[in-house]
C-alpha cells in the first residue's frame, strides 16, 4: 500500500470513528505507521494535521446536527466525540465564532469542512513535460551542527507557513541578514531548517549558517543545534531561476508519494533542512539538497 492509499484509508478510519476518542497515536498505529512519519505524511497530503482535521470534522458534523435535527446539545456533543457540554461549546465557538445555540437558531451550519478528498500531488501536465525527476539519494549520518541565524515561529494551520516562510526569506535577503551572522564554518552554505513539528502543526523555521561552538549569539539572532541523525539526502534537478521553486516542491512531492513507500524508511522526529550552496547561485542549472531525517520503517 502506498502513502496515498494509506492516508485515504486513514480518512475513512477517522470518519467511522468521529464519536470515539481519537488521537494521532491511535490512528497512526491503526495504519501501521510510526507516529511522526504518519503525522508528516498526513499533513503533506491532506494539508492539515491529524488533530486539527479530526476536530474540524467533528465540529462540522455537530453543526449539521444542530441545524438539521432536534437532538439535544449534550447528545450532539457526545455523538461528536466531546466529553462534555462545556468542552463542545468552547471548541464550537473557537471554530465558528458563535455558540451552538446560535447555530441552531440560524438553521444552517456557518460552513462545513468536508471529508478530505485526496488530490494527486503532481500537476501531471508539468510532470510529463519536465520528465521524471531522478530520485537518486544517499543515506548519511550527519554530525550535530550548531546553527546561528534568524528564526520565526510558524504553523501549518490555515497554511500560514506557506506565506510566512517565503515572506521571511524575502525580508532576510532584502536586509542582507546572512552577512551579519558571525562564526561561519561554511560561509557559502545557508541552511533553511524546519524544526520537528508538534501535533498541532507548530514549528520553528530558521535560516542560518553552521557556526563554531564558541561564537556568542548576537541580539536578535537564534542559536539552534541540529542533532546527529541519519538523513536521506536528495538533490533537486538543475533548472532555471523561473522553475527553481517548483522543482524543489516537486522533489518534496516525489519523496513522499514515491520514495518513502518503497524505501524501507520512515521520517524520524528530527529537523529537516534544505542546503543552499554555490549550486543555487547561477540563473541556470540551480540545485539544492534536501535533508530528511529517517529511520527504518516499522514492519507493516
Protein backbone atom coordinates (compact mmCIF):
# COMPACT_ATOMS: atom_id res chain seq x y z
CA UNK A 1 0.00 0.00 0.00
CA UNK A 2 1.44 3.39 -0.97
CA UNK A 3 1.22 6.61 1.04
CA UNK A 4 -1.76 7.86 -0.96
CA UNK A 5 -3.75 4.69 -0.23
CA UNK A 6 -2.71 4.69 3.44
CA UNK A 7 -3.82 8.27 4.03
CA UNK A 8 -7.08 7.67 2.15
CA UNK A 9 -7.68 4.65 4.37
CA UNK A 10 -6.91 6.72 7.47
CA UNK A 11 -9.51 9.29 6.39
CA UNK A 12 -12.13 6.52 6.20
CA UNK A 13 -10.96 5.23 9.58
CA UNK A 14 -11.43 8.68 11.13
CA UNK A 15 -14.84 9.18 9.52
CA UNK A 16 -16.17 5.95 11.00
CA UNK A 17 -14.99 6.93 14.49
CA UNK A 18 -15.82 10.60 14.92
CA UNK A 19 -17.78 9.72 18.05
CA UNK A 20 -14.78 8.00 19.66
CA UNK A 21 -11.66 9.17 21.45
CA UNK A 22 -9.24 9.54 18.54
CA UNK A 23 -5.59 10.52 18.83
CA UNK A 24 -2.70 10.80 16.41
CA UNK A 25 -1.10 7.82 18.13
CA UNK A 26 -4.16 5.63 17.72
CA UNK A 27 -4.72 6.47 14.04
CA UNK A 28 -1.03 6.03 13.14
CA UNK A 29 -0.96 2.65 14.90
CA UNK A 30 -4.07 1.55 13.04
CA UNK A 31 -2.30 2.41 9.78
CA UNK A 32 0.89 0.62 10.95
CA UNK A 33 2.99 3.77 10.65
CA UNK A 34 5.30 5.37 13.15
CA UNK A 35 3.61 8.34 14.78
CA UNK A 36 5.82 11.13 13.44
CA UNK A 37 6.03 9.77 9.91
CA UNK A 38 2.26 9.40 9.74
CA UNK A 39 1.83 12.91 11.18
CA UNK A 40 4.03 14.46 8.49
CA UNK A 41 2.65 12.35 5.64
CA UNK A 42 -0.97 13.13 6.57
CA UNK A 43 -0.18 16.84 6.82
CA UNK A 44 1.61 16.81 3.48
CA UNK A 45 -1.22 15.06 1.63
CA UNK A 46 -4.29 16.47 3.38
CA UNK A 47 -2.99 19.95 4.16
CA UNK A 48 -3.98 19.72 7.82
CA UNK A 49 -2.71 17.94 10.90
CA UNK A 50 -4.48 14.79 12.07
CA UNK A 51 -5.56 16.51 15.29
CA UNK A 52 -6.93 19.58 13.53
CA UNK A 53 -8.67 17.54 10.83
CA UNK A 54 -10.45 15.35 13.39
CA UNK A 55 -11.58 18.41 15.35
CA UNK A 56 -12.90 20.18 12.24
CA UNK A 57 -14.77 17.10 11.01
CA UNK A 58 -16.35 16.57 14.44
CA UNK A 59 -17.47 20.18 14.68
CA UNK A 60 -18.78 20.15 11.10
CA UNK A 61 -20.84 17.06 11.90
CA UNK A 62 -22.08 18.81 15.06
CA UNK A 63 -23.05 21.93 13.11
CA UNK A 64 -25.12 19.84 10.72
CA UNK A 65 -26.87 18.04 13.60
CA UNK A 66 -27.59 21.36 15.30
CA UNK A 67 -29.09 22.81 12.14
CA UNK A 68 -30.96 19.80 10.79
CA UNK A 69 -32.00 17.73 13.82
CA UNK A 70 -33.78 18.18 17.13
CA UNK A 71 -31.16 16.37 19.17
CA UNK A 72 -30.14 17.89 22.48
CA UNK A 73 -26.86 19.79 22.60
CA UNK A 74 -25.32 17.33 25.08
CA UNK A 75 -26.30 14.36 22.92
CA UNK A 76 -24.72 16.05 19.89
CA UNK A 77 -21.58 16.80 21.88
CA UNK A 78 -21.21 13.16 22.91
CA UNK A 79 -22.04 11.88 19.43
CA UNK A 80 -19.29 14.05 18.00
CA UNK A 81 -16.62 12.89 20.40
CA UNK A 82 -16.69 15.64 23.03
CA UNK A 83 -16.69 14.57 26.66
CA UNK A 84 -18.81 17.43 27.99
CA UNK A 85 -21.17 20.22 27.01
CA UNK A 86 -18.56 22.76 28.11
CA UNK A 87 -15.72 21.32 26.01
CA UNK A 88 -18.02 21.15 22.99
CA UNK A 89 -19.20 24.74 23.41
CA UNK A 90 -15.62 26.07 23.71
CA UNK A 91 -14.44 24.21 20.63
CA UNK A 92 -17.52 25.16 18.59
CA UNK A 93 -17.19 28.83 19.42
CA UNK A 94 -13.46 28.80 18.63
CA UNK A 95 -14.05 27.34 15.18
CA UNK A 96 -17.28 29.08 14.19
CA UNK A 97 -17.28 32.24 16.27
CA UNK A 98 -20.81 31.56 17.56
CA UNK A 99 -22.38 29.37 20.23
CA UNK A 100 -24.00 26.05 19.29
CA UNK A 101 -27.38 27.52 20.26
CA UNK A 102 -26.86 30.34 17.73
CA UNK A 103 -26.14 27.77 15.02
CA UNK A 104 -29.42 26.05 15.83
CA UNK A 105 -31.30 29.33 15.55
CA UNK A 106 -29.52 30.08 12.30
CA UNK A 107 -30.91 26.88 10.83
CA UNK A 108 -27.78 26.05 8.83
CA UNK A 109 -24.09 25.46 9.52
CA UNK A 110 -21.97 28.63 9.09
CA UNK A 111 -19.74 26.45 6.89
CA UNK A 112 -18.70 22.82 6.60
CA UNK A 113 -15.24 21.28 6.48
CA UNK A 114 -15.96 18.34 4.19
CA UNK A 115 -14.37 14.94 4.37
CA UNK A 116 -10.95 15.17 2.74
CA UNK A 117 -10.72 14.01 -0.86
CA UNK A 118 -7.11 13.50 -1.79
CA UNK A 119 -5.80 15.01 -4.99
CA UNK A 120 -2.68 13.88 -6.86
CA UNK A 121 0.42 15.60 -5.53
CA UNK A 122 1.64 16.43 -9.04
CA UNK A 123 0.49 18.68 -11.81
CA UNK A 124 0.51 15.83 -14.33
CA UNK A 125 0.97 18.11 -17.36
CA UNK A 126 4.06 19.79 -15.89
CA UNK A 127 5.37 16.46 -14.67
CA UNK A 128 5.13 14.87 -18.13
CA UNK A 129 6.65 17.90 -19.86
CA UNK A 130 9.57 18.08 -17.46
CA UNK A 131 10.13 14.32 -17.38
CA UNK A 132 10.55 12.12 -14.34
CA UNK A 133 12.67 13.63 -11.59
CA UNK A 134 15.59 11.35 -10.82
CA UNK A 135 15.07 10.16 -7.25
CA UNK A 136 18.70 9.33 -6.61
CA UNK A 137 19.58 9.76 -2.96
CA UNK A 138 22.18 8.88 -0.40
CA UNK A 139 21.86 7.89 3.25
CA UNK A 140 24.32 9.56 5.59
CA UNK A 141 24.73 10.17 9.28
CA UNK A 142 25.06 13.91 9.76
CA UNK A 143 27.02 15.05 12.78
CA UNK A 144 25.47 17.59 15.12
CA UNK A 145 25.67 21.15 13.79
CA UNK A 146 25.37 24.39 15.67
CA UNK A 147 23.50 27.00 13.64
CA UNK A 148 23.24 30.74 14.22
CA UNK A 149 20.73 32.71 12.23
CA UNK A 150 17.24 34.12 12.27
CA UNK A 151 14.02 32.30 13.09
CA UNK A 152 10.26 32.57 13.19
CA UNK A 153 7.57 30.52 14.88
CA UNK A 154 5.00 29.39 12.36
CA UNK A 155 2.23 26.85 11.92
CA UNK A 156 0.63 24.75 9.24
CA UNK A 157 -2.82 25.88 10.43
CA UNK A 158 -4.65 27.51 7.52
CA UNK A 159 -1.40 27.23 5.55
CA UNK A 160 0.23 30.09 7.46
CA UNK A 161 3.70 28.61 6.95
CA UNK A 162 3.21 28.73 3.16
CA UNK A 163 3.02 32.52 3.27
CA UNK A 164 5.11 33.30 6.35
CA UNK A 165 8.23 31.38 5.29
CA UNK A 166 8.53 32.94 1.79
CA UNK A 167 7.94 36.38 3.33
CA UNK A 168 10.62 35.60 5.91
CA UNK A 169 13.10 34.67 3.16
CA UNK A 170 12.31 37.86 1.24
CA UNK A 171 12.93 40.02 4.30
CA UNK A 172 16.09 38.06 5.12
CA UNK A 173 17.55 38.61 1.65
CA UNK A 174 16.37 42.22 1.33
CA UNK A 175 18.10 43.17 4.58
CA UNK A 176 21.16 41.00 3.79
CA UNK A 177 20.85 39.40 7.21
CA UNK A 178 23.09 36.49 6.30
CA UNK A 179 26.08 38.82 6.16
CA UNK A 180 25.61 39.60 9.86
CA UNK A 181 25.88 36.01 11.11
CA UNK A 182 29.23 35.51 12.93
CA UNK A 183 31.43 32.44 13.26
CA UNK A 184 30.52 30.79 9.94
CA UNK A 185 32.21 27.44 9.26
CA UNK A 186 30.89 27.32 5.68
CA UNK A 187 30.24 30.90 4.50
CA UNK A 188 28.90 29.65 1.16
CA UNK A 189 26.24 27.32 2.64
CA UNK A 190 22.96 28.62 4.02
CA UNK A 191 20.51 26.31 5.74
CA UNK A 192 16.72 26.54 5.79
CA UNK A 193 15.62 24.45 8.79
CA UNK A 194 12.19 23.16 9.82
CA UNK A 195 12.36 22.02 13.44
CA UNK A 196 10.38 18.95 14.47
CA UNK A 197 6.67 19.75 14.33
CA UNK A 198 4.23 19.22 17.19
CA UNK A 199 0.79 17.60 16.84
CA UNK A 200 -0.85 20.98 16.24
CA UNK A 201 1.47 21.86 13.36
CA UNK A 202 3.63 24.37 15.23
CA UNK A 203 7.35 24.56 14.41
CA UNK A 204 10.24 26.98 14.10
CA UNK A 205 11.76 27.88 10.75
CA UNK A 206 15.36 29.02 10.87
CA UNK A 207 17.63 30.49 8.19
CA UNK A 208 21.26 30.46 9.15
CA UNK A 209 24.78 29.09 8.91
CA UNK A 210 26.69 26.32 10.60
CA UNK A 211 28.97 28.01 13.12
CA UNK A 212 31.72 27.16 15.56
CA UNK A 213 30.87 26.32 19.15
CA UNK A 214 32.33 29.39 20.81
CA UNK A 215 30.83 32.34 18.94
CA UNK A 216 28.38 34.36 21.03
CA UNK A 217 24.90 34.83 19.62
CA UNK A 218 24.19 38.46 18.69
CA UNK A 219 21.00 40.05 19.89
CA UNK A 220 18.09 39.34 17.58
CA UNK A 221 19.55 36.05 16.31
CA UNK A 222 18.81 32.47 17.35
CA UNK A 223 21.09 29.61 18.35
CA UNK A 224 19.98 26.12 17.31
CA UNK A 225 21.64 22.70 17.28
CA UNK A 226 20.70 20.18 14.62
CA UNK A 227 21.27 16.88 16.42
CA UNK A 228 23.21 14.00 14.95
CA UNK A 229 20.82 11.95 12.83
CA UNK A 230 20.56 9.67 9.83
CA UNK A 231 19.41 11.57 6.74
CA UNK A 232 18.15 10.68 3.30
CA UNK A 233 19.64 13.38 1.05
CA UNK A 234 18.03 14.31 -2.26
CA UNK A 235 19.34 16.72 -4.90
CA UNK A 236 16.81 18.72 -6.87
CA UNK A 237 17.13 18.65 -10.68
CA UNK A 238 19.08 21.51 -12.35
CA UNK A 239 16.61 24.14 -13.52
CA UNK A 240 16.33 27.82 -14.38
CA UNK A 241 15.59 30.57 -11.89
CA UNK A 242 11.98 30.55 -13.07
CA UNK A 243 11.50 26.85 -12.30
CA UNK A 244 13.62 26.71 -9.14
CA UNK A 245 10.84 26.93 -6.55
CA UNK A 246 8.60 24.45 -8.38
CA UNK A 247 11.47 21.96 -8.77
CA UNK A 248 12.02 22.00 -5.01
CA UNK A 249 8.31 21.41 -4.36
CA UNK A 250 8.14 18.63 -6.96
CA UNK A 251 11.10 16.90 -5.33
CA UNK A 252 9.39 17.06 -1.93
CA UNK A 253 6.23 15.69 -3.54
CA UNK A 254 8.03 12.72 -5.03
CA UNK A 255 9.84 11.97 -1.80
CA UNK A 256 6.52 11.48 -0.02
CA UNK A 257 4.49 9.95 -2.84
CA UNK A 258 7.09 7.67 -4.44
CA UNK A 259 10.27 7.30 -2.42
CA UNK A 260 9.06 6.72 1.14
CA UNK A 261 6.53 3.94 0.29
CA UNK A 262 9.21 1.75 -1.31
CA UNK A 263 12.30 2.90 0.56
CA UNK A 264 12.13 0.86 3.74
CA UNK A 265 12.43 4.12 5.71
CA UNK A 266 10.10 6.43 7.61
CA UNK A 267 10.62 10.04 8.61
CA UNK A 268 12.19 10.39 12.04
CA UNK A 269 11.28 13.02 14.62
CA UNK A 270 14.13 15.45 13.95
CA UNK A 271 14.57 18.66 11.96
CA UNK A 272 14.66 18.52 8.18
CA UNK A 273 16.53 21.14 6.24
CA UNK A 274 17.49 22.45 2.81
CA UNK A 275 21.14 23.00 1.90
CA UNK A 276 21.77 26.09 -0.27
CA UNK A 277 25.31 26.34 -1.66
CA UNK A 278 27.00 27.69 -4.82
CA UNK A 279 24.83 25.46 -7.00
CA UNK A 280 21.83 27.70 -6.40
CA UNK A 281 23.63 30.96 -7.28
CA UNK A 282 23.56 30.92 -11.13
CA UNK A 283 20.41 31.73 -13.08
CA UNK A 284 20.55 28.38 -14.89
CA UNK A 285 21.17 24.90 -13.52
CA UNK A 286 20.08 25.82 -9.98
CA UNK A 287 20.05 22.97 -7.44
CA UNK A 288 19.87 22.37 -3.71
CA UNK A 289 20.00 19.35 -1.39
CA UNK A 290 17.06 18.31 0.79
CA UNK A 291 17.92 16.53 4.06
CA UNK A 292 15.16 14.40 5.61
CA UNK A 293 15.76 12.52 8.89
CA UNK A 294 14.90 8.86 8.51
CA UNK A 295 14.73 5.61 10.44
CA UNK A 296 13.99 2.03 9.36
CA UNK A 297 10.27 1.61 8.72
CA UNK A 298 8.19 -0.41 11.13
CA UNK A 299 7.08 -3.79 9.81
CA UNK A 300 3.67 -3.48 8.17
